[in-house]
Amino acid sequence: MKPKLRRNLSGTFVARSLDQGVWRLSRREPLPIDILLRGAQSHAADWLHPPGVSDIELEWQDGSVLLTMTSEPRRVAIKARSAIVHEPLGSLYQVLPLAGFDSKAKHFWGRVFRLVRLPGGRYLLGLLARRSRH
């Protein structure tokens, strides 16, 4: 038996129709989150058009997603074919072990890129690289 995947998102979301059955729900505060819904039921427009929806619960099931939200004046549920939750992570690159450049490496690559920008510089760089190999 597969466990059900659920996600609860609080806050006020602004809904925008992108195409028939495709919706984008966006929240900017406290942290930005975007939800892309595909294949939403036809009556979804009735509940997604008010100024804002809030307190969204997503439950991924076999082949569909159940979206439960508060849309004034009541709590409604909409079925969709798929849902993607996008949460930008500001500190993502700080955690990754990316290479850093010291001053010598920056100076070297600065020279290389300056040389490449000159007319014929690419060929000159290739010639220098071949000479240094032998």
Protein backbone atom coordinates (compact mmCIF):
# COMPACT_ATOMS: atom_id res chain seq x y z
CA MET A 1 0.00 0.00 0.00
CA LYS A 2 1.41 3.39 -1.00
CA PRO A 3 1.39 6.17 1.57
CA LYS A 4 -0.60 9.21 0.58
CA LEU A 5 1.47 12.31 -0.09
CA ARG A 6 0.02 15.39 1.55
CA ARG A 7 1.04 19.00 1.82
CA ASN A 8 -0.59 21.78 3.88
CA LEU A 9 0.11 25.37 2.84
CA SER A 10 -1.23 28.25 4.89
CA GLY A 11 -1.64 31.84 3.81
CA THR A 12 -3.55 33.69 1.12
CA PHE A 13 -3.03 32.65 -2.49
CA VAL A 14 -3.90 34.54 -5.66
CA ALA A 15 -5.27 32.30 -8.43
CA ARG A 16 -4.69 32.97 -12.11
CA SER A 17 -5.95 30.95 -15.07
CA LEU A 18 -3.14 30.16 -17.53
CA ASP A 19 -5.11 27.97 -19.94
CA GLN A 20 -8.15 25.72 -19.93
CA GLY A 21 -7.84 23.62 -16.80
CA VAL A 22 -4.41 25.05 -15.88
CA TRP A 23 -4.16 27.32 -12.84
CA ARG A 24 -1.35 29.05 -10.99
CA LEU A 25 -1.84 29.79 -7.30
CA SER A 26 0.78 32.17 -5.91
CA ARG A 27 1.64 33.25 -2.39
CA ARG A 28 4.22 35.97 -1.67
CA GLU A 29 4.13 36.18 2.14
CA PRO A 30 5.67 34.90 4.41
CA LEU A 31 7.69 32.87 1.86
CA PRO A 32 6.91 32.73 -1.88
CA ILE A 33 5.24 29.53 -3.12
CA ASP A 34 3.68 28.75 -6.50
CA ILE A 35 1.32 25.86 -7.21
CA LEU A 36 0.64 24.80 -10.78
CA LEU A 37 -2.55 22.81 -11.25
CA ARG A 38 -3.23 20.91 -14.48
CA GLY A 39 -6.47 19.30 -15.49
CA ALA A 40 -8.58 21.04 -12.86
CA GLN A 41 -12.28 20.22 -12.87
CA SER A 42 -14.49 22.51 -14.92
CA HIS A 43 -16.21 23.99 -11.84
CA ALA A 44 -12.82 25.01 -10.39
CA ALA A 45 -13.17 28.47 -11.96
CA ASP A 46 -16.13 29.18 -9.68
CA TRP A 47 -13.96 28.78 -6.58
CA LEU A 48 -10.60 30.02 -7.82
CA HIS A 49 -11.81 33.41 -9.10
CA PRO A 50 -12.56 35.15 -5.79
CA PRO A 51 -9.91 37.66 -4.66
CA GLY A 52 -7.99 34.97 -2.87
CA VAL A 53 -8.05 31.44 -1.60
CA SER A 54 -6.35 30.37 1.60
CA ASP A 55 -5.18 27.39 3.61
CA ILE A 56 -4.56 24.92 0.80
CA GLU A 57 -4.23 21.20 1.39
CA LEU A 58 -2.89 19.02 -1.43
CA GLU A 59 -3.26 15.25 -1.42
CA TRP A 60 -1.66 13.31 -4.26
CA GLN A 61 -3.59 10.15 -5.06
CA ASP A 62 -3.25 7.55 -7.82
CA GLY A 63 -3.38 9.58 -11.03
CA SER A 64 -4.91 12.72 -9.52
CA VAL A 65 -4.59 15.41 -6.88
CA LEU A 66 -7.22 16.53 -4.40
CA LEU A 67 -6.96 20.25 -3.60
CA THR A 68 -8.90 21.38 -0.53
CA MET A 69 -8.97 25.11 0.16
CA THR A 70 -10.85 27.86 1.89
CA SER A 71 -12.60 30.03 -0.66
CA GLU A 72 -14.93 32.47 0.99
CA PRO A 73 -17.47 31.69 2.26
CA ARG A 74 -16.67 27.96 2.61
CA ARG A 75 -14.20 25.09 2.31
CA VAL A 76 -14.19 23.38 -1.10
CA ALA A 77 -12.40 20.46 -2.74
CA ILE A 78 -11.28 20.32 -6.37
CA LYS A 79 -9.78 17.39 -8.24
CA ALA A 80 -6.96 17.96 -10.72
CA ARG A 81 -4.81 15.72 -12.89
CA SER A 82 -1.52 16.99 -11.42
CA ALA A 83 -0.06 19.61 -9.10
CA ILE A 84 3.46 20.98 -8.83
CA VAL A 85 4.53 22.96 -5.76
CA HIS A 86 7.45 25.32 -6.37
CA GLU A 87 9.26 26.77 -3.36
CA PRO A 88 12.37 28.80 -4.18
CA LEU A 89 15.17 28.17 -1.73
CA GLY A 90 17.33 31.25 -1.26
CA SER A 91 20.17 29.47 0.52
CA LEU A 92 20.36 26.50 -1.87
CA TYR A 93 23.74 27.37 -3.39
CA GLN A 94 25.34 28.13 -0.04
CA VAL A 95 25.01 24.47 0.96
CA LEU A 96 26.47 23.02 -2.26
CA PRO A 97 30.23 22.36 -2.42
CA LEU A 98 30.91 24.66 -5.37
CA ALA A 99 34.43 25.52 -6.47
CA GLY A 100 35.75 28.93 -5.54
CA PHE A 101 38.40 31.01 -7.30
CA ASP A 102 41.39 32.55 -5.60
CA SER A 103 42.96 35.76 -6.91
CA LYS A 104 45.47 33.91 -9.15
CA ALA A 105 42.72 31.85 -10.81
CA LYS A 106 40.54 34.94 -11.33
CA HIS A 107 43.47 36.75 -12.94
CA PHE A 108 44.23 33.77 -15.22
CA TRP A 109 40.63 33.36 -16.42
CA GLY A 110 40.30 37.12 -16.86
CA ARG A 111 43.27 37.04 -19.25
CA VAL A 112 41.83 34.05 -21.14
CA PHE A 113 38.44 35.70 -21.66
CA ARG A 114 40.05 39.00 -22.64
CA LEU A 115 42.18 37.19 -25.23
CA VAL A 116 39.19 35.29 -26.64
CA ARG A 117 37.31 38.56 -27.24
CA LEU A 118 40.03 39.87 -29.58
CA PRO A 119 39.61 39.19 -33.32
CA GLY A 120 41.53 35.97 -33.91
CA GLY A 121 42.07 35.53 -30.17
CA ARG A 122 40.39 32.15 -30.15
CA TYR A 123 42.92 30.83 -32.69
CA LEU A 124 45.82 32.40 -30.79
CA LEU A 125 44.59 30.75 -27.59
CA GLY A 126 44.42 27.39 -29.39
CA LEU A 127 47.97 27.87 -30.69
CA LEU A 128 49.24 28.69 -27.17
CA ALA A 129 47.45 25.66 -25.73
CA ARG A 130 49.01 23.33 -28.33
CA ARG A 131 52.49 24.78 -27.66
CA SER A 132 52.18 24.27 -23.91
CA ARG A 133 51.24 20.58 -24.34
CA HIS A 134 54.52 19.69 -26.12
